[in-house]
Amino acid sequence: MNSELKRIIPAMVSYVNDHSGYMTKTKLLKLIYLFDVEYYRANRKTFTGFTWKFFHLGPWAREFDPILDELVGTGVLLEGQSTRPEYDTKFLRTDSPHDFSPLFASFREESPLRTVLSTWAQSSTGEILDYVYFRTEPMEHGIRNEPLDFSVIPEDRPEKYNRPASGISAKQVAKMKQEFANRVGALQESRAAKDFEFTPPRYDDEFETAMAKLDAAD
């Protein structure tokens, strides 16, 4: 098991609460599972090191409860009962902000958790359970009461970008380039001629008188 998980979990709870979401024990477990799925996709191993199992409503790991009990027992996580009667469960929170970015050595390791939290922080537990059960590869291939196989997760490879063809022939492209160059050249010549256009000087009476005196002197 990854020892950093005891610091990651409070950061997850803090992030969800700070982004107008709520956190319960079940929601936290499923978010950790989703984190492991996306972490495996990028790094070909899970972050937690949990032994995930297809159990009841989805993925479950026996390592989870002892960690959560320890964090609650030491006051790192706080439990509170909802004031709304329809929520018959305990909600998790932290008494201070926690940031998970410093806990990762690189953005490649941090990115899976950030993606999961930004996607699911405000979602209900039911929405997450539905996605986890039907839309994640280990569960899609899973067998009830058996360990989940993360190796069925395909590696995330970005597609190579290829510029789509315009359908114009090379001869047409060359002609269009030449026409464009001609237009640019004509525009530059027009501007140059305008910039250096000679404007005849305007002579006043005083200037004419002075010139007349010079002519008489000659």
C-alpha atoms as a PDB file:
ATOM      1  CA  MET A   1       0.000   0.000   0.000  1.00  0.00           C
ATOM      2  CA  ASN A   2       1.208   3.505  -0.822  1.00  0.00           C
ATOM      3  CA  SER A   3       1.958   5.390   2.395  1.00  0.00           C
ATOM      4  CA  GLU A   4       1.177   8.721   0.695  1.00  0.00           C
ATOM      5  CA  LEU A   5      -2.482   7.720   0.581  1.00  0.00           C
ATOM      6  CA  LYS A   6      -2.959   8.941   4.158  1.00  0.00           C
ATOM      7  CA  ARG A   7      -2.098  12.417   2.887  1.00  0.00           C
ATOM      8  CA  ILE A   8      -3.931  12.080  -0.421  1.00  0.00           C
ATOM      9  CA  ILE A   9      -7.281  11.200   1.171  1.00  0.00           C
ATOM     10  CA  PRO A  10      -7.590  14.417   3.251  1.00  0.00           C
ATOM     11  CA  ALA A  11      -6.638  16.403   0.134  1.00  0.00           C
ATOM     12  CA  MET A  12      -9.402  14.657  -1.822  1.00  0.00           C
ATOM     13  CA  VAL A  13     -11.974  15.419   0.881  1.00  0.00           C
ATOM     14  CA  SER A  14     -10.806  19.034   1.042  1.00  0.00           C
ATOM     15  CA  TYR A  15     -11.008  19.459  -2.741  1.00  0.00           C
ATOM     16  CA  VAL A  16     -14.550  18.068  -2.963  1.00  0.00           C
ATOM     17  CA  ASN A  17     -15.813  20.241  -0.109  1.00  0.00           C
ATOM     18  CA  ASP A  18     -14.096  23.335  -1.550  1.00  0.00           C
ATOM     19  CA  HIS A  19     -15.829  22.728  -4.885  1.00  0.00           C
ATOM     20  CA  SER A  20     -19.369  22.620  -3.475  1.00  0.00           C
ATOM     21  CA  GLY A  21     -19.520  18.843  -3.245  1.00  0.00           C
ATOM     22  CA  TYR A  22     -20.092  16.477  -0.350  1.00  0.00           C
ATOM     23  CA  MET A  23     -18.009  13.470   0.689  1.00  0.00           C
ATOM     24  CA  THR A  24     -19.234  10.253   2.237  1.00  0.00           C
ATOM     25  CA  LYS A  25     -17.374   7.032   2.945  1.00  0.00           C
ATOM     26  CA  THR A  26     -18.850   5.321  -0.120  1.00  0.00           C
ATOM     27  CA  LYS A  27     -18.193   8.248  -2.436  1.00  0.00           C
ATOM     28  CA  LEU A  28     -14.601   8.492  -1.200  1.00  0.00           C
ATOM     29  CA  LEU A  29     -13.964   4.793  -1.831  1.00  0.00           C
ATOM     30  CA  LYS A  30     -15.291   5.026  -5.398  1.00  0.00           C
ATOM     31  CA  LEU A  31     -13.260   8.172  -6.115  1.00  0.00           C
ATOM     32  CA  ILE A  32     -10.124   6.394  -4.929  1.00  0.00           C
ATOM     33  CA  TYR A  33     -10.983   3.517  -7.243  1.00  0.00           C
ATOM     34  CA  LEU A  34     -11.437   5.919 -10.177  1.00  0.00           C
ATOM     35  CA  PHE A  35      -8.111   7.505  -9.313  1.00  0.00           C
ATOM     36  CA  ASP A  36      -6.458   4.072  -9.448  1.00  0.00           C
ATOM     37  CA  VAL A  37      -8.106   3.370 -12.817  1.00  0.00           C
ATOM     38  CA  GLU A  38      -6.845   6.593 -14.385  1.00  0.00           C
ATOM     39  CA  TYR A  39      -3.461   6.316 -12.696  1.00  0.00           C
ATOM     40  CA  TYR A  40      -3.074   2.815 -14.120  1.00  0.00           C
ATOM     41  CA  ARG A  41      -4.046   4.079 -17.553  1.00  0.00           C
ATOM     42  CA  ALA A  42      -1.155   6.538 -17.509  1.00  0.00           C
ATOM     43  CA  ASN A  43       1.441   4.684 -15.414  1.00  0.00           C
ATOM     44  CA  ARG A  44       0.538   0.981 -15.824  1.00  0.00           C
ATOM     45  CA  LYS A  45       0.199   0.495 -12.071  1.00  0.00           C
ATOM     46  CA  THR A  46      -2.275   1.597  -9.418  1.00  0.00           C
ATOM     47  CA  PHE A  47      -1.379   4.394  -7.045  1.00  0.00           C
ATOM     48  CA  THR A  48      -2.842   2.878  -3.881  1.00  0.00           C
ATOM     49  CA  GLY A  49      -1.611  -0.689  -4.184  1.00  0.00           C
ATOM     50  CA  PHE A  50      -5.052  -1.795  -2.940  1.00  0.00           C
ATOM     51  CA  THR A  51      -6.335  -5.284  -3.696  1.00  0.00           C
ATOM     52  CA  TRP A  52      -9.563  -4.269  -5.396  1.00  0.00           C
ATOM     53  CA  LYS A  53     -12.429  -6.743  -5.495  1.00  0.00           C
ATOM     54  CA  PHE A  54     -15.842  -6.893  -7.215  1.00  0.00           C
ATOM     55  CA  PHE A  55     -18.030  -6.746  -4.120  1.00  0.00           C
ATOM     56  CA  HIS A  56     -21.759  -5.917  -3.876  1.00  0.00           C
ATOM     57  CA  LEU A  57     -22.245  -2.514  -5.577  1.00  0.00           C
ATOM     58  CA  GLY A  58     -18.830  -2.336  -7.146  1.00  0.00           C
ATOM     59  CA  PRO A  59     -15.137  -2.146  -6.321  1.00  0.00           C
ATOM     60  CA  TRP A  60     -14.100  -2.598  -2.707  1.00  0.00           C
ATOM     61  CA  ALA A  61     -10.737  -2.894  -0.970  1.00  0.00           C
ATOM     62  CA  ARG A  62     -10.177  -4.287   2.539  1.00  0.00           C
ATOM     63  CA  GLU A  63      -7.318  -1.809   3.070  1.00  0.00           C
ATOM     64  CA  PHE A  64      -9.684   1.168   2.910  1.00  0.00           C
ATOM     65  CA  ASP A  65     -11.568   0.944   6.231  1.00  0.00           C
ATOM     66  CA  PRO A  66      -8.495   0.826   8.515  1.00  0.00           C
ATOM     67  CA  ILE A  67      -7.023   3.923   6.821  1.00  0.00           C
ATOM     68  CA  LEU A  68     -10.286   5.848   7.082  1.00  0.00           C
ATOM     69  CA  ASP A  69     -10.758   4.853  10.738  1.00  0.00           C
ATOM     70  CA  GLU A  70      -7.226   6.046  11.517  1.00  0.00           C
ATOM     71  CA  LEU A  71      -7.722   9.417   9.802  1.00  0.00           C
ATOM     72  CA  VAL A  72     -11.013   9.974  11.651  1.00  0.00           C
ATOM     73  CA  GLY A  73      -9.587   8.742  14.946  1.00  0.00           C
ATOM     74  CA  THR A  74      -6.638  11.145  14.786  1.00  0.00           C
ATOM     75  CA  GLY A  75      -8.810  14.101  13.787  1.00  0.00           C
ATOM     76  CA  VAL A  76      -7.350  14.502  10.310  1.00  0.00           C
ATOM     77  CA  LEU A  77     -10.826  13.841   8.954  1.00  0.00           C
ATOM     78  CA  LEU A  78     -13.972  15.010  10.706  1.00  0.00           C
ATOM     79  CA  GLU A  79     -17.336  13.258  10.537  1.00  0.00           C
ATOM     80  CA  GLY A  80     -20.633  15.109  10.713  1.00  0.00           C
ATOM     81  CA  GLN A  81     -24.261  14.091  10.473  1.00  0.00           C
ATOM     82  CA  SER A  82     -26.376  15.874   7.885  1.00  0.00           C
ATOM     83  CA  THR A  83     -29.132  18.175   9.097  1.00  0.00           C
ATOM     84  CA  ARG A  84     -31.294  16.996   6.200  1.00  0.00           C
ATOM     85  CA  PRO A  85     -33.340  13.882   7.034  1.00  0.00           C
ATOM     86  CA  GLU A  86     -33.002  12.387   3.542  1.00  0.00           C
ATOM     87  CA  TYR A  87     -29.251  11.997   4.116  1.00  0.00           C
ATOM     88  CA  ASP A  88     -28.991   9.191   6.679  1.00  0.00           C
ATOM     89  CA  THR A  89     -25.211   9.040   6.551  1.00  0.00           C
ATOM     90  CA  LYS A  90     -22.076  10.719   7.845  1.00  0.00           C
ATOM     91  CA  PHE A  91     -20.231  13.339   5.852  1.00  0.00           C
ATOM     92  CA  LEU A  92     -16.474  13.790   5.815  1.00  0.00           C
ATOM     93  CA  ARG A  93     -14.630  17.089   5.943  1.00  0.00           C
ATOM     94  CA  THR A  94     -11.315  18.589   7.018  1.00  0.00           C
ATOM     95  CA  ASP A  95     -10.747  21.429   9.442  1.00  0.00           C
ATOM     96  CA  SER A  96      -8.143  23.042   7.162  1.00  0.00           C
ATOM     97  CA  PRO A  97      -7.298  23.110   3.440  1.00  0.00           C
ATOM     98  CA  HIS A  98      -5.137  20.334   1.982  1.00  0.00           C
ATOM     99  CA  ASP A  99      -3.349  20.500  -1.369  1.00  0.00           C
ATOM    100  CA  PHE A 100      -2.418  17.315  -3.211  1.00  0.00           C
ATOM    101  CA  SER A 101      -0.066  18.866  -5.826  1.00  0.00           C
ATOM    102  CA  PRO A 102       3.051  18.783  -3.584  1.00  0.00           C
ATOM    103  CA  LEU A 103       2.431  15.079  -2.927  1.00  0.00           C
ATOM    104  CA  PHE A 104       3.275  14.077  -6.505  1.00  0.00           C
ATOM    105  CA  ALA A 105       6.660  13.994  -8.175  1.00  0.00           C
ATOM    106  CA  SER A 106       5.356  15.000 -11.602  1.00  0.00           C
ATOM    107  CA  PHE A 107       2.294  16.291 -13.397  1.00  0.00           C
ATOM    108  CA  ARG A 108       1.900  12.892 -15.068  1.00  0.00           C
ATOM    109  CA  GLU A 109       1.317  11.342 -11.637  1.00  0.00           C
ATOM    110  CA  GLU A 110      -0.902  14.171 -10.390  1.00  0.00           C
ATOM    111  CA  SER A 111      -3.033  14.514 -13.524  1.00  0.00           C
ATOM    112  CA  PRO A 112      -5.184  11.375 -12.996  1.00  0.00           C
ATOM    113  CA  LEU A 113      -6.357  12.536  -9.562  1.00  0.00           C
ATOM    114  CA  ARG A 114      -7.006  16.079 -10.734  1.00  0.00           C
ATOM    115  CA  THR A 115      -9.043  14.753 -13.656  1.00  0.00           C
ATOM    116  CA  VAL A 116     -11.136  12.481 -11.437  1.00  0.00           C
ATOM    117  CA  LEU A 117     -11.848  15.170  -8.851  1.00  0.00           C
ATOM    118  CA  SER A 118     -12.661  17.912 -11.363  1.00  0.00           C
ATOM    119  CA  THR A 119     -15.079  15.520 -13.095  1.00  0.00           C
ATOM    120  CA  TRP A 120     -16.816  13.992 -10.086  1.00  0.00           C
ATOM    121  CA  ALA A 121     -16.452  16.371  -7.114  1.00  0.00           C
ATOM    122  CA  GLN A 122     -19.992  17.725  -7.367  1.00  0.00           C
ATOM    123  CA  SER A 123     -21.618  14.456  -8.490  1.00  0.00           C
ATOM    124  CA  SER A 124     -23.848  12.359  -6.273  1.00  0.00           C
ATOM    125  CA  THR A 125     -22.744   8.976  -4.975  1.00  0.00           C
ATOM    126  CA  GLY A 126     -25.384   7.335  -7.158  1.00  0.00           C
ATOM    127  CA  GLU A 127     -24.002   8.919 -10.325  1.00  0.00           C
ATOM    128  CA  ILE A 128     -20.502   7.772  -9.476  1.00  0.00           C
ATOM    129  CA  LEU A 129     -21.655   4.253  -8.631  1.00  0.00           C
ATOM    130  CA  ASP A 130     -23.420   3.992 -11.974  1.00  0.00           C
ATOM    131  CA  TYR A 131     -20.317   5.086 -13.873  1.00  0.00           C
ATOM    132  CA  VAL A 132     -17.985   2.882 -11.841  1.00  0.00           C
ATOM    133  CA  TYR A 133     -20.165  -0.193 -12.271  1.00  0.00           C
ATOM    134  CA  PHE A 134     -20.876   0.095 -15.989  1.00  0.00           C
ATOM    135  CA  ARG A 135     -18.164   2.298 -17.502  1.00  0.00           C
ATOM    136  CA  THR A 136     -14.791   1.275 -16.034  1.00  0.00           C
ATOM    137  CA  GLU A 137     -12.818  -1.545 -17.610  1.00  0.00           C
ATOM    138  CA  PRO A 138     -11.960  -3.592 -14.481  1.00  0.00           C
ATOM    139  CA  MET A 139     -15.644  -3.735 -13.521  1.00  0.00           C
ATOM    140  CA  GLU A 140     -16.805  -4.402 -17.082  1.00  0.00           C
ATOM    141  CA  HIS A 141     -14.585  -7.491 -17.151  1.00  0.00           C
ATOM    142  CA  GLY A 142     -14.950  -8.296 -13.460  1.00  0.00           C
ATOM    143  CA  ILE A 143     -16.402 -11.375 -11.776  1.00  0.00           C
ATOM    144  CA  ARG A 144     -18.349 -10.941  -8.547  1.00  0.00           C
ATOM    145  CA  ASN A 145     -16.333 -11.673  -5.397  1.00  0.00           C
ATOM    146  CA  GLU A 146     -13.127 -11.940  -7.455  1.00  0.00           C
ATOM    147  CA  PRO A 147     -10.150  -9.533  -7.615  1.00  0.00           C
ATOM    148  CA  LEU A 148     -10.397  -6.858 -10.298  1.00  0.00           C
ATOM    149  CA  ASP A 149      -7.946  -6.995 -13.183  1.00  0.00           C
ATOM    150  CA  PHE A 150      -6.537  -3.555 -14.003  1.00  0.00           C
ATOM    151  CA  SER A 151      -4.466  -4.878 -16.904  1.00  0.00           C
ATOM    152  CA  VAL A 152      -7.583  -4.736 -19.093  1.00  0.00           C
ATOM    153  CA  ILE A 153      -7.326  -0.934 -19.034  1.00  0.00           C
ATOM    154  CA  PRO A 154      -5.926   0.257 -22.386  1.00  0.00           C
ATOM    155  CA  GLU A 155      -2.997   2.608 -22.321  1.00  0.00           C
ATOM    156  CA  ASP A 156      -3.918   6.208 -22.979  1.00  0.00           C
ATOM    157  CA  ARG A 157      -2.098   7.147 -26.187  1.00  0.00           C
ATOM    158  CA  PRO A 158      -2.825  10.594 -27.672  1.00  0.00           C
ATOM    159  CA  GLU A 159      -3.784  10.437 -31.320  1.00  0.00           C
ATOM    160  CA  LYS A 160      -1.319  11.855 -33.809  1.00  0.00           C
ATOM    161  CA  TYR A 161      -2.663  14.992 -35.406  1.00  0.00           C
ATOM    162  CA  ASN A 162      -2.973  14.926 -39.183  1.00  0.00           C
ATOM    163  CA  ARG A 163      -4.104  17.990 -41.090  1.00  0.00           C
ATOM    164  CA  PRO A 164      -7.089  17.097 -43.291  1.00  0.00           C
ATOM    165  CA  ALA A 165      -6.588  17.453 -47.055  1.00  0.00           C
ATOM    166  CA  SER A 166      -8.170  20.535 -48.657  1.00  0.00           C
ATOM    167  CA  GLY A 167      -9.038  18.763 -51.928  1.00  0.00           C
ATOM    168  CA  ILE A 168      -7.187  21.410 -53.988  1.00  0.00           C
ATOM    169  CA  SER A 169      -4.518  20.266 -56.424  1.00  0.00           C
ATOM    170  CA  ALA A 170      -0.877  21.312 -56.124  1.00  0.00           C
ATOM    171  CA  LYS A 171      -1.204  23.340 -59.366  1.00  0.00           C
ATOM    172  CA  GLN A 172      -4.167  25.292 -57.966  1.00  0.00           C
ATOM    173  CA  VAL A 173      -2.317  25.941 -54.706  1.00  0.00           C
ATOM    174  CA  ALA A 174       0.708  27.289 -56.614  1.00  0.00           C
ATOM    175  CA  LYS A 175      -1.543  29.572 -58.694  1.00  0.00           C
ATOM    176  CA  MET A 176      -3.281  30.899 -55.592  1.00  0.00           C
ATOM    177  CA  LYS A 177       0.059  31.578 -53.901  1.00  0.00           C
ATOM    178  CA  GLN A 178       1.279  33.516 -56.949  1.00  0.00           C
ATOM    179  CA  GLU A 179      -1.917  35.580 -57.129  1.00  0.00           C
ATOM    180  CA  PHE A 180      -1.604  36.386 -53.439  1.00  0.00           C
ATOM    181  CA  ALA A 181       2.052  37.404 -53.883  1.00  0.00           C
ATOM    182  CA  ASN A 182       1.103  39.658 -56.817  1.00  0.00           C
ATOM    183  CA  ARG A 183      -1.603  41.368 -54.763  1.00  0.00           C
ATOM    184  CA  VAL A 184       0.769  41.922 -51.867  1.00  0.00           C
ATOM    185  CA  GLY A 185       3.405  43.344 -54.218  1.00  0.00           C
ATOM    186  CA  ALA A 186       0.949  45.742 -55.863  1.00  0.00           C
ATOM    187  CA  LEU A 187      -0.274  46.899 -52.461  1.00  0.00           C
ATOM    188  CA  GLN A 188       3.289  47.577 -51.284  1.00  0.00           C
ATOM    189  CA  GLU A 189       4.078  49.570 -54.446  1.00  0.00           C
ATOM    190  CA  SER A 190       0.912  51.607 -54.032  1.00  0.00           C
ATOM    191  CA  ARG A 191       1.781  52.443 -50.444  1.00  0.00           C
ATOM    192  CA  ALA A 192       5.376  53.291 -51.349  1.00  0.00           C
ATOM    193  CA  ALA A 193       4.247  55.660 -54.137  1.00  0.00           C
ATOM    194  CA  LYS A 194       1.821  57.339 -51.756  1.00  0.00           C
ATOM    195  CA  ASP A 195       4.414  57.695 -49.015  1.00  0.00           C
ATOM    196  CA  PHE A 196       6.884  59.449 -51.313  1.00  0.00           C
ATOM    197  CA  GLU A 197       4.450  61.516 -53.415  1.00  0.00           C
ATOM    198  CA  PHE A 198       5.887  64.984 -54.061  1.00  0.00           C
ATOM    199  CA  THR A 199       3.737  67.932 -53.006  1.00  0.00           C
ATOM    200  CA  PRO A 200       4.638  71.270 -54.686  1.00  0.00           C
ATOM    201  CA  PRO A 201       5.542  74.012 -52.176  1.00  0.00           C
ATOM    202  CA  ARG A 202       3.243  76.960 -51.615  1.00  0.00           C
ATOM    203  CA  TYR A 203       5.022  80.366 -51.860  1.00  0.00           C
ATOM    204  CA  ASP A 204       3.649  83.451 -50.098  1.00  0.00           C
ATOM    205  CA  ASP A 205       4.078  87.165 -51.104  1.00  0.00           C
ATOM    206  CA  GLU A 206       7.083  87.651 -48.842  1.00  0.00           C
ATOM    207  CA  PHE A 207       8.916  84.820 -50.554  1.00  0.00           C
ATOM    208  CA  GLU A 208       8.089  86.231 -54.019  1.00  0.00           C
ATOM    209  CA  THR A 209       9.362  89.708 -53.019  1.00  0.00           C
ATOM    210  CA  ALA A 210      12.634  88.283 -51.687  1.00  0.00           C
ATOM    211  CA  MET A 211      13.222  86.340 -54.885  1.00  0.00           C
ATOM    212  CA  ALA A 212      12.548  89.438 -56.982  1.00  0.00           C
ATOM    213  CA  LYS A 213      15.209  91.395 -55.065  1.00  0.00           C
ATOM    214  CA  LEU A 214      17.730  88.601 -55.654  1.00  0.00           C
ATOM    215  CA  ASP A 215      16.973  88.628 -59.383  1.00  0.00           C
ATOM    216  CA  ALA A 216      17.452  92.410 -59.529  1.00  0.00           C
ATOM    217  CA  ALA A 217      20.792  92.146 -57.740  1.00  0.00           C
ATOM    218  CA  ASP A 218      22.015  89.726 -60.363  1.00  0.00           C
END
